[in-house]
Amino acid sequence: MQTRRDRSLGRSGEIGLQYPSGCRSIYSVGFSVGHQFWNQGICTEALKQLVRFAFEELKLHKLFGDNDADNPASGRVFEKAGFRQEVVQKGQEWRDGEYVDKIWWGLINPASEAHTSGKQK
C-alpha cells in the first residue's frame, strides 16, 4: 500500500490492492484515512478510482473488502463505490472485550460478469 504524507497534517491515508486468493483476477482492497479527513468523500473517490484502474487497466474480475460492523462509514464507502454486501461474519474478531462482526463486500467487473454463474443485480 502507498501512503500520502504531508508534514503539517501527518498521515492522510492509504488505499491499495492485495492478491490474497489463488485466482489471479480476484484482489482485495483496503483503505484508511486520517481522522482529520473523515466525511469529505476522499476514501469514496479514491476507491472509485482504484476500481476503475483495477477493472479497466488490470482487467481484474472481482474486488472484495471488509469492514467491522461498528464502522458503518467504511461500509458506506464500499456502497458508494458500487460494492454489494456479500457476507456478515458474526463475532469474527475479538476487540476491546467483545466480539465484533465483519461485513464483506464484493464487486464484479461488468466486463466479466457474463462469465459468472450468479450475476449481481
PDB file of N, CA and C in Angstrom:
ATOM      1  N   MET A   1       0.835  -1.176   0.000  1.00  0.00           N
ATOM      2  CA  MET A   1       0.000   0.000   0.000  1.00  0.00           C
ATOM      3  C   MET A   1       0.882   1.242   0.000  1.00  0.00           C
ATOM      4  N   GLN A   2       0.392   2.256  -0.626  1.00  0.00           N
ATOM      5  CA  GLN A   2       1.127   3.507  -0.638  1.00  0.00           C
ATOM      6  C   GLN A   2       0.430   4.506   0.274  1.00  0.00           C
ATOM      7  N   THR A   3       1.227   5.332   0.931  1.00  0.00           N
ATOM      8  CA  THR A   3       0.681   6.326   1.847  1.00  0.00           C
ATOM      9  C   THR A   3       1.111   7.710   1.408  1.00  0.00           C
ATOM     10  N   ARG A   4       0.160   8.650   1.360  1.00  0.00           N
ATOM     11  CA  ARG A   4       0.481  10.050   1.104  1.00  0.00           C
ATOM     12  C   ARG A   4       0.787  10.697   2.440  1.00  0.00           C
ATOM     13  N   ARG A   5       1.792  11.525   2.462  1.00  0.00           N
ATOM     14  CA  ARG A   5       2.132  12.198   3.708  1.00  0.00           C
ATOM     15  C   ARG A   5       2.287  13.697   3.466  1.00  0.00           C
ATOM     16  N   ASP A   6       1.876  14.444   4.412  1.00  0.00           N
ATOM     17  CA  ASP A   6       2.062  15.885   4.430  1.00  0.00           C
ATOM     18  C   ASP A   6       2.599  16.194   5.817  1.00  0.00           C
ATOM     19  N   ARG A   7       3.756  16.796   5.886  1.00  0.00           N
ATOM     20  CA  ARG A   7       4.403  17.026   7.188  1.00  0.00           C
ATOM     21  C   ARG A   7       3.521  17.820   8.148  1.00  0.00           C
ATOM     22  N   SER A   8       2.719  18.739   7.637  1.00  0.00           N
ATOM     23  CA  SER A   8       1.894  19.547   8.528  1.00  0.00           C
ATOM     24  C   SER A   8       0.631  18.812   8.981  1.00  0.00           C
ATOM     25  N   LEU A   9       0.197  17.809   8.248  1.00  0.00           N
ATOM     26  CA  LEU A   9      -1.048  17.123   8.575  1.00  0.00           C
ATOM     27  C   LEU A   9      -0.833  15.717   9.138  1.00  0.00           C
ATOM     28  N   GLY A  10       0.356  15.165   8.984  1.00  0.00           N
ATOM     29  CA  GLY A  10       0.590  13.793   9.403  1.00  0.00           C
ATOM     30  C   GLY A  10       0.066  12.842   8.347  1.00  0.00           C
ATOM     31  N   ARG A  11      -0.316  11.650   8.759  1.00  0.00           N
ATOM     32  CA  ARG A  11      -0.797  10.629   7.837  1.00  0.00           C
ATOM     33  C   ARG A  11      -2.165  11.023   7.297  1.00  0.00           C
ATOM     34  N   SER A  12      -2.288  11.059   5.969  1.00  0.00           N
ATOM     35  CA  SER A  12      -3.580  11.409   5.393  1.00  0.00           C
ATOM     36  C   SER A  12      -4.393  10.171   5.030  1.00  0.00           C
ATOM     37  N   GLY A  13      -3.738   9.106   4.572  1.00  0.00           N
ATOM     38  CA  GLY A  13      -4.477   7.898   4.275  1.00  0.00           C
ATOM     39  C   GLY A  13      -3.739   6.982   3.337  1.00  0.00           C
ATOM     40  N   GLU A  14      -4.394   5.861   3.054  1.00  0.00           N
ATOM     41  CA  GLU A  14      -3.815   4.884   2.143  1.00  0.00           C
ATOM     42  C   GLU A  14      -4.930   4.059   1.527  1.00  0.00           C
ATOM     43  N   ILE A  15      -4.639   3.520   0.350  1.00  0.00           N
ATOM     44  CA  ILE A  15      -5.565   2.627  -0.334  1.00  0.00           C
ATOM     45  C   ILE A  15      -4.723   1.692  -1.179  1.00  0.00           C
ATOM     46  N   GLY A  16      -5.169   0.466  -1.333  1.00  0.00           N
ATOM     47  CA  GLY A  16      -4.376  -0.450  -2.134  1.00  0.00           C
ATOM     48  C   GLY A  16      -5.097  -1.725  -2.476  1.00  0.00           C
ATOM     49  N   LEU A  17      -4.472  -2.476  -3.364  1.00  0.00           N
ATOM     50  CA  LEU A  17      -4.943  -3.784  -3.801  1.00  0.00           C
ATOM     51  C   LEU A  17      -4.006  -4.840  -3.236  1.00  0.00           C
ATOM     52  N   GLN A  18      -4.558  -5.989  -2.908  1.00  0.00           N
ATOM     53  CA  GLN A  18      -3.751  -7.094  -2.435  1.00  0.00           C
ATOM     54  C   GLN A  18      -4.246  -8.369  -3.099  1.00  0.00           C
ATOM     55  N   TYR A  19      -3.322  -9.254  -3.425  1.00  0.00           N
ATOM     56  CA  TYR A  19      -3.625 -10.502  -4.127  1.00  0.00           C
ATOM     57  C   TYR A  19      -3.602 -11.660  -3.142  1.00  0.00           C
ATOM     58  N   PRO A  20      -4.710 -11.900  -2.428  1.00  0.00           N
ATOM     59  CA  PRO A  20      -4.703 -12.954  -1.412  1.00  0.00           C
ATOM     60  C   PRO A  20      -5.252 -14.294  -1.874  1.00  0.00           C
ATOM     61  N   SER A  21      -5.903 -14.331  -3.027  1.00  0.00           N
ATOM     62  CA  SER A  21      -6.587 -15.567  -3.442  1.00  0.00           C
ATOM     63  C   SER A  21      -5.724 -16.350  -4.425  1.00  0.00           C
ATOM     64  N   GLY A  22      -6.141 -17.544  -4.718  1.00  0.00           N
ATOM     65  CA  GLY A  22      -5.441 -18.372  -5.688  1.00  0.00           C
ATOM     66  C   GLY A  22      -5.776 -18.004  -7.118  1.00  0.00           C
ATOM     67  N   CYS A  23      -6.714 -17.110  -7.293  1.00  0.00           N
ATOM     68  CA  CYS A  23      -7.127 -16.674  -8.630  1.00  0.00           C
ATOM     69  C   CYS A  23      -6.489 -15.326  -8.923  1.00  0.00           C
ATOM     70  N   ARG A  24      -5.757 -15.243 -10.016  1.00  0.00           N
ATOM     71  CA  ARG A  24      -5.007 -14.022 -10.326  1.00  0.00           C
ATOM     72  C   ARG A  24      -5.878 -12.819 -10.676  1.00  0.00           C
ATOM     73  N   SER A  25      -7.170 -13.019 -10.810  1.00  0.00           N
ATOM     74  CA  SER A  25      -8.019 -11.898 -11.210  1.00  0.00           C
ATOM     75  C   SER A  25      -8.970 -11.447 -10.098  1.00  0.00           C
ATOM     76  N   ILE A  26      -8.748 -11.937  -8.877  1.00  0.00           N
ATOM     77  CA  ILE A  26      -9.556 -11.534  -7.730  1.00  0.00           C
ATOM     78  C   ILE A  26      -8.639 -10.957  -6.667  1.00  0.00           C
ATOM     79  N   TYR A  27      -8.853  -9.691  -6.331  1.00  0.00           N
ATOM     80  CA  TYR A  27      -7.993  -8.982  -5.378  1.00  0.00           C
ATOM     81  C   TYR A  27      -8.835  -8.380  -4.254  1.00  0.00           C
ATOM     82  N   SER A  28      -8.202  -8.190  -3.118  1.00  0.00           N
ATOM     83  CA  SER A  28      -8.860  -7.477  -2.020  1.00  0.00           C
ATOM     84  C   SER A  28      -8.437  -6.017  -2.062  1.00  0.00           C
ATOM     85  N   VAL A  29      -9.294  -5.160  -1.535  1.00  0.00           N
ATOM     86  CA  VAL A  29      -8.980  -3.743  -1.413  1.00  0.00           C
ATOM     87  C   VAL A  29      -8.988  -3.385   0.065  1.00  0.00           C
ATOM     88  N   GLY A  30      -8.156  -2.435   0.395  1.00  0.00           N
ATOM     89  CA  GLY A  30      -8.124  -1.919   1.753  1.00  0.00           C
ATOM     90  C   GLY A  30      -7.897  -0.423   1.715  1.00  0.00           C
ATOM     91  N   PHE A  31      -8.451   0.272   2.684  1.00  0.00           N
ATOM     92  CA  PHE A  31      -8.273   1.721   2.730  1.00  0.00           C
ATOM     93  C   PHE A  31      -8.371   2.207   4.163  1.00  0.00           C
ATOM     94  N   SER A  32      -7.771   3.337   4.393  1.00  0.00           N
ATOM     95  CA  SER A  32      -7.927   4.048   5.662  1.00  0.00           C
ATOM     96  C   SER A  32      -7.631   5.518   5.389  1.00  0.00           C
ATOM     97  N   VAL A  33      -8.152   6.357   6.253  1.00  0.00           N
ATOM     98  CA  VAL A  33      -7.930   7.797   6.102  1.00  0.00           C
ATOM     99  C   VAL A  33      -7.814   8.402   7.489  1.00  0.00           C
ATOM    100  N   GLY A  34      -6.928   9.377   7.603  1.00  0.00           N
ATOM    101  CA  GLY A  34      -6.745  10.054   8.883  1.00  0.00           C
ATOM    102  C   GLY A  34      -8.021  10.748   9.342  1.00  0.00           C
ATOM    103  N   HIS A  35      -8.211  10.781  10.649  1.00  0.00           N
ATOM    104  CA  HIS A  35      -9.419  11.343  11.251  1.00  0.00           C
ATOM    105  C   HIS A  35      -9.742  12.743  10.722  1.00  0.00           C
ATOM    106  N   GLN A  36      -8.722  13.568  10.511  1.00  0.00           N
ATOM    107  CA  GLN A  36      -8.982  14.947  10.066  1.00  0.00           C
ATOM    108  C   GLN A  36      -9.563  15.009   8.657  1.00  0.00           C
ATOM    109  N   PHE A  37      -9.573  13.871   7.933  1.00  0.00           N
ATOM    110  CA  PHE A  37     -10.100  13.847   6.566  1.00  0.00           C
ATOM    111  C   PHE A  37     -11.398  13.052   6.451  1.00  0.00           C
ATOM    112  N   TRP A  38     -11.978  12.637   7.577  1.00  0.00           N
ATOM    113  CA  TRP A  38     -13.233  11.888   7.544  1.00  0.00           C
ATOM    114  C   TRP A  38     -14.361  12.754   6.980  1.00  0.00           C
ATOM    115  N   ASN A  39     -15.347  12.101   6.395  1.00  0.00           N
ATOM    116  CA  ASN A  39     -16.589  12.734   5.907  1.00  0.00           C
ATOM    117  C   ASN A  39     -16.359  13.803   4.844  1.00  0.00           C
ATOM    118  N   GLN A  40     -15.309  13.613   4.042  1.00  0.00           N
ATOM    119  CA  GLN A  40     -15.048  14.541   2.946  1.00  0.00           C
ATOM    120  C   GLN A  40     -15.112  13.857   1.581  1.00  0.00           C
ATOM    121  N   GLY A  41     -15.462  12.574   1.571  1.00  0.00           N
ATOM    122  CA  GLY A  41     -15.563  11.847   0.310  1.00  0.00           C
ATOM    123  C   GLY A  41     -14.229  11.384  -0.266  1.00  0.00           C
ATOM    124  N   ILE A  42     -13.161  11.551   0.492  1.00  0.00           N
ATOM    125  CA  ILE A  42     -11.826  11.214  -0.015  1.00  0.00           C
ATOM    126  C   ILE A  42     -11.694   9.711  -0.267  1.00  0.00           C
ATOM    127  N   CYS A  43     -12.083   8.892   0.705  1.00  0.00           N
ATOM    128  CA  CYS A  43     -11.991   7.433   0.532  1.00  0.00           C
ATOM    129  C   CYS A  43     -12.897   6.966  -0.589  1.00  0.00           C
ATOM    130  N   THR A  44     -14.085   7.494  -0.662  1.00  0.00           N
ATOM    131  CA  THR A  44     -15.015   7.093  -1.714  1.00  0.00           C
ATOM    132  C   THR A  44     -14.422   7.387  -3.087  1.00  0.00           C
ATOM    133  N   GLU A  45     -13.905   8.579  -3.277  1.00  0.00           N
ATOM    134  CA  GLU A  45     -13.318   8.943  -4.567  1.00  0.00           C
ATOM    135  C   GLU A  45     -12.094   8.100  -4.869  1.00  0.00           C
ATOM    136  N   ALA A  46     -11.259   7.863  -3.870  1.00  0.00           N
ATOM    137  CA  ALA A  46     -10.068   7.035  -4.076  1.00  0.00           C
ATOM    138  C   ALA A  46     -10.460   5.603  -4.446  1.00  0.00           C
ATOM    139  N   LEU A  47     -11.477   5.058  -3.775  1.00  0.00           N
ATOM    140  CA  LEU A  47     -11.906   3.694  -4.081  1.00  0.00           C
ATOM    141  C   LEU A  47     -12.506   3.615  -5.480  1.00  0.00           C
ATOM    142  N   LYS A  48     -13.278   4.607  -5.875  1.00  0.00           N
ATOM    143  CA  LYS A  48     -13.833   4.619  -7.230  1.00  0.00           C
ATOM    144  C   LYS A  48     -12.718   4.620  -8.278  1.00  0.00           C
ATOM    145  N   GLN A  49     -11.668   5.396  -8.023  1.00  0.00           N
ATOM    146  CA  GLN A  49     -10.539   5.441  -8.955  1.00  0.00           C
ATOM    147  C   GLN A  49      -9.780   4.116  -8.964  1.00  0.00           C
ATOM    148  N   LEU A  50      -9.641   3.495  -7.807  1.00  0.00           N
ATOM    149  CA  LEU A  50      -8.972   2.200  -7.724  1.00  0.00           C
ATOM    150  C   LEU A  50      -9.777   1.137  -8.465  1.00  0.00           C
ATOM    151  N   VAL A  51     -11.092   1.164  -8.328  1.00  0.00           N
ATOM    152  CA  VAL A  51     -11.962   0.227  -9.052  1.00  0.00           C
ATOM    153  C   VAL A  51     -11.787   0.424 -10.555  1.00  0.00           C
ATOM    154  N   ARG A  52     -11.812   1.653 -11.001  1.00  0.00           N
ATOM    155  CA  ARG A  52     -11.634   1.940 -12.429  1.00  0.00           C
ATOM    156  C   ARG A  52     -10.304   1.371 -12.915  1.00  0.00           C
ATOM    157  N   PHE A  53      -9.233   1.631 -12.190  1.00  0.00           N
ATOM    158  CA  PHE A  53      -7.910   1.141 -12.562  1.00  0.00           C
ATOM    159  C   PHE A  53      -7.881  -0.391 -12.578  1.00  0.00           C
ATOM    160  N   ALA A  54      -8.431  -1.009 -11.544  1.00  0.00           N
ATOM    161  CA  ALA A  54      -8.411  -2.469 -11.422  1.00  0.00           C
ATOM    162  C   ALA A  54      -9.182  -3.140 -12.560  1.00  0.00           C
ATOM    163  N   PHE A  55     -10.314  -2.583 -12.934  1.00  0.00           N
ATOM    164  CA  PHE A  55     -11.149  -3.199 -13.958  1.00  0.00           C
ATOM    165  C   PHE A  55     -10.722  -2.817 -15.377  1.00  0.00           C
ATOM    166  N   GLU A  56     -10.422  -1.551 -15.603  1.00  0.00           N
ATOM    167  CA  GLU A  56     -10.101  -1.100 -16.958  1.00  0.00           C
ATOM    168  C   GLU A  56      -8.654  -1.373 -17.354  1.00  0.00           C
ATOM    169  N   GLU A  57      -7.734  -1.155 -16.441  1.00  0.00           N
ATOM    170  CA  GLU A  57      -6.312  -1.308 -16.776  1.00  0.00           C
ATOM    171  C   GLU A  57      -5.793  -2.714 -16.467  1.00  0.00           C
ATOM    172  N   LEU A  58      -6.101  -3.230 -15.283  1.00  0.00           N
ATOM    173  CA  LEU A  58      -5.609  -4.545 -14.885  1.00  0.00           C
ATOM    174  C   LEU A  58      -6.511  -5.678 -15.356  1.00  0.00           C
ATOM    175  N   LYS A  59      -7.741  -5.345 -15.782  1.00  0.00           N
ATOM    176  CA  LYS A  59      -8.718  -6.330 -16.262  1.00  0.00           C
ATOM    177  C   LYS A  59      -9.037  -7.397 -15.215  1.00  0.00           C
ATOM    178  N   LEU A  60      -9.112  -6.984 -13.943  1.00  0.00           N
ATOM    179  CA  LEU A  60      -9.448  -7.919 -12.873  1.00  0.00           C
ATOM    180  C   LEU A  60     -10.917  -8.314 -12.975  1.00  0.00           C
ATOM    181  N   HIS A  61     -11.224  -9.484 -12.452  1.00  0.00           N
ATOM    182  CA  HIS A  61     -12.602  -9.984 -12.474  1.00  0.00           C
ATOM    183  C   HIS A  61     -13.407  -9.479 -11.279  1.00  0.00           C
ATOM    184  N   LYS A  62     -12.787  -9.479 -10.087  1.00  0.00           N
ATOM    185  CA  LYS A  62     -13.534  -9.137  -8.881  1.00  0.00           C
ATOM    186  C   LYS A  62     -12.635  -8.455  -7.864  1.00  0.00           C
ATOM    187  N   LEU A  63     -13.249  -7.539  -7.120  1.00  0.00           N
ATOM    188  CA  LEU A  63     -12.618  -6.915  -5.960  1.00  0.00           C
ATOM    189  C   LEU A  63     -13.484  -7.210  -4.744  1.00  0.00           C
ATOM    190  N   PHE A  64     -12.852  -7.352  -3.589  1.00  0.00           N
ATOM    191  CA  PHE A  64     -13.604  -7.546  -2.361  1.00  0.00           C
ATOM    192  C   PHE A  64     -12.884  -6.859  -1.212  1.00  0.00           C
ATOM    193  N   GLY A  65     -13.630  -6.594  -0.160  1.00  0.00           N
ATOM    194  CA  GLY A  65     -13.064  -5.968   1.028  1.00  0.00           C
ATOM    195  C   GLY A  65     -14.009  -6.146   2.192  1.00  0.00           C
ATOM    196  N   ASP A  66     -13.568  -5.693   3.355  1.00  0.00           N
ATOM    197  CA  ASP A  66     -14.400  -5.856   4.544  1.00  0.00           C
ATOM    198  C   ASP A  66     -14.310  -4.639   5.439  1.00  0.00           C
ATOM    199  N   ASN A  67     -15.289  -4.535   6.307  1.00  0.00           N
ATOM    200  CA  ASN A  67     -15.251  -3.530   7.370  1.00  0.00           C
ATOM    201  C   ASN A  67     -15.862  -4.125   8.628  1.00  0.00           C
ATOM    202  N   ASP A  68     -15.466  -3.602   9.766  1.00  0.00           N
ATOM    203  CA  ASP A  68     -16.074  -4.011  11.024  1.00  0.00           C
ATOM    204  C   ASP A  68     -17.476  -3.414  11.100  1.00  0.00           C
ATOM    205  N   ALA A  69     -18.401  -4.164  11.659  1.00  0.00           N
ATOM    206  CA  ALA A  69     -19.785  -3.707  11.734  1.00  0.00           C
ATOM    207  C   ALA A  69     -19.933  -2.434  12.554  1.00  0.00           C
ATOM    208  N   ASP A  70     -18.991  -2.195  13.470  1.00  0.00           N
ATOM    209  CA  ASP A  70     -19.070  -0.968  14.266  1.00  0.00           C
ATOM    210  C   ASP A  70     -18.425   0.226  13.550  1.00  0.00           C
ATOM    211  N   ASN A  71     -18.125   0.068  12.259  1.00  0.00           N
ATOM    212  CA  ASN A  71     -17.587   1.151  11.439  1.00  0.00           C
ATOM    213  C   ASN A  71     -18.437   1.288  10.172  1.00  0.00           C
ATOM    214  N   PRO A  72     -19.671   1.767  10.322  1.00  0.00           N
ATOM    215  CA  PRO A  72     -20.564   1.851   9.160  1.00  0.00           C
ATOM    216  C   PRO A  72     -20.089   2.839   8.094  1.00  0.00           C
ATOM    217  N   ALA A  73     -19.250   3.804   8.448  1.00  0.00           N
ATOM    218  CA  ALA A  73     -18.748   4.758   7.449  1.00  0.00           C
ATOM    219  C   ALA A  73     -17.952   4.031   6.368  1.00  0.00           C
ATOM    220  N   SER A  74     -17.158   3.031   6.755  1.00  0.00           N
ATOM    221  CA  SER A  74     -16.408   2.267   5.756  1.00  0.00           C
ATOM    222  C   SER A  74     -17.358   1.460   4.877  1.00  0.00           C
ATOM    223  N   GLY A  75     -18.430   0.953   5.453  1.00  0.00           N
ATOM    224  CA  GLY A  75     -19.439   0.262   4.653  1.00  0.00           C
ATOM    225  C   GLY A  75     -20.062   1.178   3.617  1.00  0.00           C
ATOM    226  N   ARG A  76     -20.310   2.424   4.000  1.00  0.00           N
ATOM    227  CA  ARG A  76     -20.878   3.392   3.054  1.00  0.00           C
ATOM    228  C   ARG A  76     -19.890   3.693   1.922  1.00  0.00           C
ATOM    229  N   VAL A  77     -18.602   3.706   2.227  1.00  0.00           N
ATOM    230  CA  VAL A  77     -17.592   3.909   1.178  1.00  0.00           C
ATOM    231  C   VAL A  77     -17.711   2.791   0.145  1.00  0.00           C
ATOM    232  N   PHE A  78     -17.790   1.544   0.618  1.00  0.00           N
ATOM    233  CA  PHE A  78     -17.944   0.424  -0.314  1.00  0.00           C
ATOM    234  C   PHE A  78     -19.221   0.578  -1.132  1.00  0.00           C
ATOM    235  N   GLU A  79     -20.332   0.896  -0.481  1.00  0.00           N
ATOM    236  CA  GLU A  79     -21.611   1.058  -1.183  1.00  0.00           C
ATOM    237  C   GLU A  79     -21.528   2.140  -2.258  1.00  0.00           C
ATOM    238  N   LYS A  80     -20.979   3.290  -1.912  1.00  0.00           N
ATOM    239  CA  LYS A  80     -20.906   4.406  -2.859  1.00  0.00           C
ATOM    240  C   LYS A  80     -20.001   4.099  -4.041  1.00  0.00           C
ATOM    241  N   ALA A  81     -19.060   3.171  -3.850  1.00  0.00           N
ATOM    242  CA  ALA A  81     -18.163   2.782  -4.942  1.00  0.00           C
ATOM    243  C   ALA A  81     -18.745   1.625  -5.765  1.00  0.00           C
ATOM    244  N   GLY A  82     -19.974   1.190  -5.434  1.00  0.00           N
ATOM    245  CA  GLY A  82     -20.655   0.176  -6.225  1.00  0.00           C
ATOM    246  C   GLY A  82     -20.575  -1.241  -5.694  1.00  0.00           C
ATOM    247  N   PHE A  83     -19.923  -1.452  -4.560  1.00  0.00           N
ATOM    248  CA  PHE A  83     -19.811  -2.788  -3.981  1.00  0.00           C
ATOM    249  C   PHE A  83     -21.155  -3.227  -3.403  1.00  0.00           C
ATOM    250  N   ARG A  84     -21.355  -4.543  -3.336  1.00  0.00           N
ATOM    251  CA  ARG A  84     -22.557  -5.126  -2.737  1.00  0.00           C
ATOM    252  C   ARG A  84     -22.155  -5.930  -1.511  1.00  0.00           C
ATOM    253  N   GLN A  85     -22.962  -5.848  -0.482  1.00  0.00           N
ATOM    254  CA  GLN A  85     -22.693  -6.648   0.714  1.00  0.00           C
ATOM    255  C   GLN A  85     -22.891  -8.116   0.366  1.00  0.00           C
ATOM    256  N   GLU A  86     -21.910  -8.949   0.733  1.00  0.00           N
ATOM    257  CA  GLU A  86     -21.977 -10.374   0.412  1.00  0.00           C
ATOM    258  C   GLU A  86     -22.175 -11.251   1.641  1.00  0.00           C
ATOM    259  N   VAL A  87     -21.472 -10.960   2.718  1.00  0.00           N
ATOM    260  CA  VAL A  87     -21.487 -11.837   3.890  1.00  0.00           C
ATOM    261  C   VAL A  87     -21.326 -11.002   5.151  1.00  0.00           C
ATOM    262  N   VAL A  88     -22.004 -11.414   6.214  1.00  0.00           N
ATOM    263  CA  VAL A  88     -21.745 -10.878   7.550  1.00  0.00           C
ATOM    264  C   VAL A  88     -21.235 -12.050   8.389  1.00  0.00           C
ATOM    265  N   GLN A  89     -20.019 -11.921   8.888  1.00  0.00           N
ATOM    266  CA  GLN A  89     -19.449 -12.947   9.757  1.00  0.00           C
ATOM    267  C   GLN A  89     -19.652 -12.504  11.196  1.00  0.00           C
ATOM    268  N   LYS A  90     -20.526 -13.204  11.891  1.00  0.00           N
ATOM    269  CA  LYS A  90     -20.868 -12.853  13.269  1.00  0.00           C
ATOM    270  C   LYS A  90     -19.710 -13.174  14.209  1.00  0.00           C
ATOM    271  N   GLY A  91     -19.413 -12.245  15.106  1.00  0.00           N
ATOM    272  CA  GLY A  91     -18.394 -12.458  16.129  1.00  0.00           C
ATOM    273  C   GLY A  91     -17.046 -12.865  15.575  1.00  0.00           C
ATOM    274  N   GLN A  92     -16.632 -12.262  14.495  1.00  0.00           N
ATOM    275  CA  GLN A  92     -15.422 -12.672  13.789  1.00  0.00           C
ATOM    276  C   GLN A  92     -14.128 -12.195  14.444  1.00  0.00           C
ATOM    277  N   GLU A  93     -14.179 -11.110  15.186  1.00  0.00           N
ATOM    278  CA  GLU A  93     -12.958 -10.535  15.748  1.00  0.00           C
ATOM    279  C   GLU A  93     -13.182 -10.131  17.196  1.00  0.00           C
ATOM    280  N   TRP A  94     -12.211 -10.416  18.039  1.00  0.00           N
ATOM    281  CA  TRP A  94     -12.261 -10.025  19.450  1.00  0.00           C
ATOM    282  C   TRP A  94     -11.552  -8.690  19.601  1.00  0.00           C
ATOM    283  N   ARG A  95     -12.265  -7.678  20.123  1.00  0.00           N
ATOM    284  CA  ARG A  95     -11.649  -6.363  20.283  1.00  0.00           C
ATOM    285  C   ARG A  95     -12.286  -5.638  21.455  1.00  0.00           C
ATOM    286  N   ASP A  96     -11.448  -5.105  22.288  1.00  0.00           N
ATOM    287  CA  ASP A  96     -11.900  -4.300  23.439  1.00  0.00           C
ATOM    288  C   ASP A  96     -12.944  -5.032  24.291  1.00  0.00           C
ATOM    289  N   GLY A  97     -12.708  -6.309  24.515  1.00  0.00           N
ATOM    290  CA  GLY A  97     -13.568  -7.061  25.411  1.00  0.00           C
ATOM    291  C   GLY A  97     -14.861  -7.587  24.820  1.00  0.00           C
ATOM    292  N   GLU A  98     -15.006  -7.530  23.490  1.00  0.00           N
ATOM    293  CA  GLU A  98     -16.214  -8.064  22.865  1.00  0.00           C
ATOM    294  C   GLU A  98     -15.921  -8.551  21.451  1.00  0.00           C
ATOM    295  N   TYR A  99     -16.794  -9.403  20.958  1.00  0.00           N
ATOM    296  CA  TYR A  99     -16.674  -9.882  19.591  1.00  0.00           C
ATOM    297  C   TYR A  99     -17.349  -8.886  18.646  1.00  0.00           C
ATOM    298  N   VAL A 100     -16.709  -8.649  17.513  1.00  0.00           N
ATOM    299  CA  VAL A 100     -17.198  -7.695  16.519  1.00  0.00           C
ATOM    300  C   VAL A 100     -17.501  -8.440  15.225  1.00  0.00           C
ATOM    301  N   ASP A 101     -18.629  -8.118  14.612  1.00  0.00           N
ATOM    302  CA  ASP A 101     -18.990  -8.707  13.321  1.00  0.00           C
ATOM    303  C   ASP A 101     -18.158  -8.078  12.210  1.00  0.00           C
ATOM    304  N   LYS A 102     -17.902  -8.856  11.168  1.00  0.00           N
ATOM    305  CA  LYS A 102     -17.177  -8.398   9.999  1.00  0.00           C
ATOM    306  C   LYS A 102     -18.124  -8.455   8.806  1.00  0.00           C
ATOM    307  N   ILE A 103     -18.179  -7.392   8.021  1.00  0.00           N
ATOM    308  CA  ILE A 103     -19.039  -7.320   6.841  1.00  0.00           C
ATOM    309  C   ILE A 103     -18.151  -7.367   5.601  1.00  0.00           C
ATOM    310  N   TRP A 104     -18.447  -8.294   4.703  1.00  0.00           N
ATOM    311  CA  TRP A 104     -17.667  -8.464   3.478  1.00  0.00           C
ATOM    312  C   TRP A 104     -18.445  -7.918   2.289  1.00  0.00           C
ATOM    313  N   TRP A 105     -17.725  -7.237   1.402  1.00  0.00           N
ATOM    314  CA  TRP A 105     -18.286  -6.585   0.225  1.00  0.00           C
ATOM    315  C   TRP A 105     -17.601  -7.121  -1.023  1.00  0.00           C
ATOM    316  N   GLY A 106     -18.306  -7.136  -2.147  1.00  0.00           N
ATOM    317  CA  GLY A 106     -17.716  -7.577  -3.402  1.00  0.00           C
ATOM    318  C   GLY A 106     -18.232  -6.771  -4.575  1.00  0.00           C
ATOM    319  N   LEU A 107     -17.412  -6.718  -5.609  1.00  0.00           N
ATOM    320  CA  LEU A 107     -17.787  -6.036  -6.847  1.00  0.00           C
ATOM    321  C   LEU A 107     -17.171  -6.793  -8.011  1.00  0.00           C
ATOM    322  N   ILE A 108     -18.017  -7.226  -8.938  1.00  0.00           N
ATOM    323  CA  ILE A 108     -17.559  -7.940 -10.124  1.00  0.00           C
ATOM    324  C   ILE A 108     -17.462  -6.962 -11.284  1.00  0.00           C
ATOM    325  N   ASN A 109     -16.388  -7.093 -12.025  1.00  0.00           N
ATOM    326  CA  ASN A 109     -16.177  -6.262 -13.203  1.00  0.00           C
ATOM    327  C   ASN A 109     -17.327  -6.498 -14.186  1.00  0.00           C
ATOM    328  N   PRO A 110     -18.052  -5.446 -14.567  1.00  0.00           N
ATOM    329  CA  PRO A 110     -19.161  -5.631 -15.509  1.00  0.00           C
ATOM    330  C   PRO A 110     -18.720  -6.283 -16.821  1.00  0.00           C
ATOM    331  N   ALA A 111     -17.475  -6.066 -17.220  1.00  0.00           N
ATOM    332  CA  ALA A 111     -16.971  -6.654 -18.463  1.00  0.00           C
ATOM    333  C   ALA A 111     -16.807  -8.166 -18.361  1.00  0.00           C
ATOM    334  N   SER A 112     -16.689  -8.693 -17.153  1.00  0.00           N
ATOM    335  CA  SER A 112     -16.523 -10.145 -16.991  1.00  0.00           C
ATOM    336  C   SER A 112     -17.744 -10.783 -16.355  1.00  0.00           C
ATOM    337  N   GLU A 113     -18.772 -10.021 -16.098  1.00  0.00           N
ATOM    338  CA  GLU A 113     -19.963 -10.527 -15.426  1.00  0.00           C
ATOM    339  C   GLU A 113     -20.660 -11.635 -16.210  1.00  0.00           C
ATOM    340  N   ALA A 114     -20.570 -11.604 -17.530  1.00  0.00           N
ATOM    341  CA  ALA A 114     -21.207 -12.631 -18.349  1.00  0.00           C
ATOM    342  C   ALA A 114     -20.603 -14.011 -18.100  1.00  0.00           C
ATOM    343  N   HIS A 115     -19.412 -14.055 -17.507  1.00  0.00           N
ATOM    344  CA  HIS A 115     -18.726 -15.321 -17.259  1.00  0.00           C
ATOM    345  C   HIS A 115     -18.943 -15.838 -15.853  1.00  0.00           C
ATOM    346  N   THR A 116     -19.904 -15.246 -15.110  1.00  0.00           N
ATOM    347  CA  THR A 116     -20.191 -15.696 -13.741  1.00  0.00           C
ATOM    348  C   THR A 116     -21.539 -16.406 -13.716  1.00  0.00           C
ATOM    349  N   SER A 117     -21.655 -17.372 -12.824  1.00  0.00           N
ATOM    350  CA  SER A 117     -22.900 -18.137 -12.767  1.00  0.00           C
ATOM    351  C   SER A 117     -24.002 -17.390 -12.019  1.00  0.00           C
ATOM    352  N   GLY A 118     -23.671 -16.577 -11.017  1.00  0.00           N
ATOM    353  CA  GLY A 118     -24.671 -15.825 -10.266  1.00  0.00           C
ATOM    354  C   GLY A 118     -24.437 -14.341 -10.418  1.00  0.00           C
ATOM    355  N   LYS A 119     -25.025 -13.753 -11.430  1.00  0.00           N
ATOM    356  CA  LYS A 119     -24.793 -12.341 -11.732  1.00  0.00           C
ATOM    357  C   LYS A 119     -25.315 -11.432 -10.634  1.00  0.00           C
ATOM    358  N   GLN A 120     -24.558 -10.323 -10.362  1.00  0.00           N
ATOM    359  CA  GLN A 120     -25.019  -9.338  -9.368  1.00  0.00           C
ATOM    360  C   GLN A 120     -26.191  -8.584  -9.962  1.00  0.00           C
ATOM    361  N   LYS A 121     -27.088  -8.168  -9.067  1.00  0.00           N
ATOM    362  CA  LYS A 121     -28.265  -7.413  -9.529  1.00  0.00           C
ATOM    363  C   LYS A 121     -28.126  -5.965  -9.150  1.00  0.00           C
TER     364      LYS A 121
END
